[in-house]
Amino acid sequence: MTHQTIHPSGWLPAKGYANGILTKNGTLHIGGQIGWDGNKKFVAGGFIEQMKQALRNIAAIVEEAGGKTSDVTRLTWFVTDKSEYLTHQAEVGVAYREVFGKHFPAMSLIIVAGLVEDDAMIEIEATAHID
């Protein structure tokens, strides 16, 4: 087998996609995570809480693959409202550090017109390298 599907235990099944794919060389590709929990229920609290949940989801996938958040080497953020992000930039930093600490991988932020799930305000995909 050249790769392994990673899916945190207790999460509802992913339908039509994989949450994570771990290759035999230790590269973990994490599909876009949004602000819902393992039961596919959106968290309350708006943009910051959705962002934090998406990061928690990434952390859960990395941990399920045997890694830790410091193994994440890249994050790509897709945000539906640029002003929402800019208005809450200080809170973004605080919320980010709650989940990832002071680990700052390469990051990109892209403003998009919408996401597949109508209630999603942010989607974050990641790459990690696990020994």
Protein backbone atom coordinates (compact mmCIF):
# COMPACT_ATOMS: atom_id res chain seq x y z
CA MET A 1 0.00 0.00 0.00
CA THR A 2 1.37 3.39 -0.94
CA HIS A 3 -0.85 5.40 1.40
CA GLN A 4 -3.18 5.15 4.38
CA THR A 5 -6.49 6.95 4.89
CA ILE A 6 -6.56 8.83 8.20
CA HIS A 7 -9.89 9.36 9.92
CA PRO A 8 -10.16 10.24 13.62
CA SER A 9 -12.06 7.63 15.61
CA GLY A 10 -15.48 8.78 16.71
CA TRP A 11 -15.99 11.08 13.72
CA LEU A 12 -18.87 10.52 11.33
CA PRO A 13 -17.69 9.01 8.02
CA ALA A 14 -16.28 11.29 5.35
CA LYS A 15 -18.42 10.84 2.24
CA GLY A 16 -16.68 11.30 -1.10
CA TYR A 17 -13.38 12.50 0.37
CA ALA A 18 -10.68 11.61 2.89
CA ASN A 19 -9.88 13.78 5.89
CA GLY A 20 -6.25 12.75 5.62
CA ILE A 21 -3.96 10.64 3.46
CA LEU A 22 -0.64 9.50 4.92
CA THR A 23 1.92 8.47 2.31
CA LYS A 24 4.61 5.88 2.96
CA ASN A 25 7.25 8.64 3.15
CA GLY A 26 5.41 10.27 6.09
CA THR A 27 3.73 13.11 4.23
CA LEU A 28 0.23 13.69 5.58
CA HIS A 29 -2.14 15.53 3.24
CA ILE A 30 -5.11 16.92 5.17
CA GLY A 31 -8.24 17.82 3.25
CA GLY A 32 -9.95 21.13 3.91
CA GLN A 33 -11.36 21.30 7.43
CA ILE A 34 -14.25 23.55 8.34
CA GLY A 35 -15.79 24.72 11.59
CA TRP A 36 -17.77 21.61 12.40
CA ASP A 37 -17.06 18.88 14.88
CA GLY A 38 -16.75 15.12 14.37
CA ASN A 39 -20.55 14.90 14.21
CA LYS A 40 -20.62 17.41 11.35
CA LYS A 41 -22.29 20.06 13.53
CA PHE A 42 -21.07 23.64 13.20
CA VAL A 43 -19.76 25.24 16.37
CA ALA A 44 -21.50 28.37 17.65
CA GLY A 45 -19.70 31.68 17.93
CA GLY A 46 -18.96 32.84 14.41
CA PHE A 47 -15.71 33.18 12.50
CA ILE A 48 -13.21 32.78 15.36
CA GLU A 49 -14.88 29.66 16.76
CA GLN A 50 -15.14 28.13 13.28
CA MET A 51 -11.46 28.87 12.69
CA LYS A 52 -10.49 27.31 16.01
CA GLN A 53 -12.59 24.21 15.27
CA ALA A 54 -11.03 23.80 11.82
CA LEU A 55 -7.58 23.95 13.45
CA ARG A 56 -8.68 21.46 16.13
CA ASN A 57 -9.84 19.13 13.35
CA ILE A 58 -6.44 19.39 11.68
CA ALA A 59 -4.74 18.65 15.01
CA ALA A 60 -6.99 15.59 15.51
CA ILE A 61 -6.10 14.22 12.07
CA VAL A 62 -2.37 14.78 12.64
CA GLU A 63 -2.58 13.06 16.04
CA GLU A 64 -4.56 10.15 14.54
CA ALA A 65 -1.68 9.70 12.07
CA GLY A 66 0.81 9.59 14.97
CA GLY A 67 2.06 13.16 14.75
CA LYS A 68 1.69 16.46 16.55
CA THR A 69 0.79 19.98 15.44
CA SER A 70 4.49 20.89 15.18
CA ASP A 71 4.68 18.37 12.29
CA VAL A 72 2.42 20.62 10.19
CA THR A 73 4.50 22.35 7.51
CA ARG A 74 1.81 24.15 5.48
CA LEU A 75 -1.66 25.62 6.01
CA THR A 76 -3.87 27.08 3.30
CA TRP A 77 -6.81 29.12 4.59
CA PHE A 78 -9.91 29.79 2.49
CA VAL A 79 -11.96 32.64 3.98
CA THR A 80 -15.34 33.84 2.71
CA ASP A 81 -15.19 37.34 4.23
CA LYS A 82 -11.96 39.34 4.10
CA SER A 83 -13.27 42.07 6.41
CA GLU A 84 -14.29 39.47 9.02
CA TYR A 85 -10.72 38.14 9.02
CA LEU A 86 -9.11 41.59 9.15
CA THR A 87 -11.48 42.90 11.83
CA HIS A 88 -10.65 39.97 14.12
CA GLN A 89 -6.95 39.58 13.29
CA ALA A 90 -5.80 39.91 16.92
CA GLU A 91 -8.37 37.29 18.00
CA VAL A 92 -7.24 35.07 15.12
CA GLY A 93 -3.71 35.07 16.56
CA VAL A 94 -4.90 34.23 20.08
CA ALA A 95 -7.20 31.45 18.84
CA TYR A 96 -4.48 30.05 16.57
CA ARG A 97 -1.99 29.83 19.44
CA GLU A 98 -4.59 28.05 21.61
CA VAL A 99 -4.45 25.12 19.17
CA PHE A 100 -1.01 25.33 17.50
CA GLY A 101 1.00 27.15 20.14
CA LYS A 102 3.93 29.10 18.72
CA HIS A 103 4.36 26.77 15.73
CA PHE A 104 3.96 28.77 12.52
CA PRO A 105 4.16 26.71 9.31
CA ALA A 106 4.14 28.21 5.82
CA MET A 107 0.68 29.72 5.31
CA SER A 108 -1.46 31.20 2.59
CA LEU A 109 -4.83 32.90 2.93
CA ILE A 110 -7.20 33.04 0.00
CA ILE A 111 -10.47 34.98 -0.09
CA VAL A 112 -13.21 32.91 -1.77
CA ALA A 113 -16.77 33.62 -2.85
CA GLY A 114 -18.15 30.64 -0.97
CA LEU A 115 -17.57 27.13 0.34
CA VAL A 116 -19.50 23.92 -0.32
CA GLU A 117 -21.11 23.96 3.14
CA ASP A 118 -23.23 27.12 3.22
CA ASP A 119 -22.62 27.77 6.95
CA ALA A 120 -18.83 27.48 6.61
CA MET A 121 -16.96 30.77 6.96
CA ILE A 122 -13.48 29.26 6.70
CA GLU A 123 -11.82 26.11 5.40
CA ILE A 124 -8.21 25.19 6.15
CA GLU A 125 -6.16 22.47 4.47
CA ALA A 126 -2.77 21.31 5.68
CA THR A 127 0.31 19.27 4.98
CA ALA A 128 2.35 17.61 7.71
CA HIS A 129 5.48 15.45 7.74
CA ILE A 130 5.42 12.65 10.27
CA ASP A 131 8.49 10.58 11.13
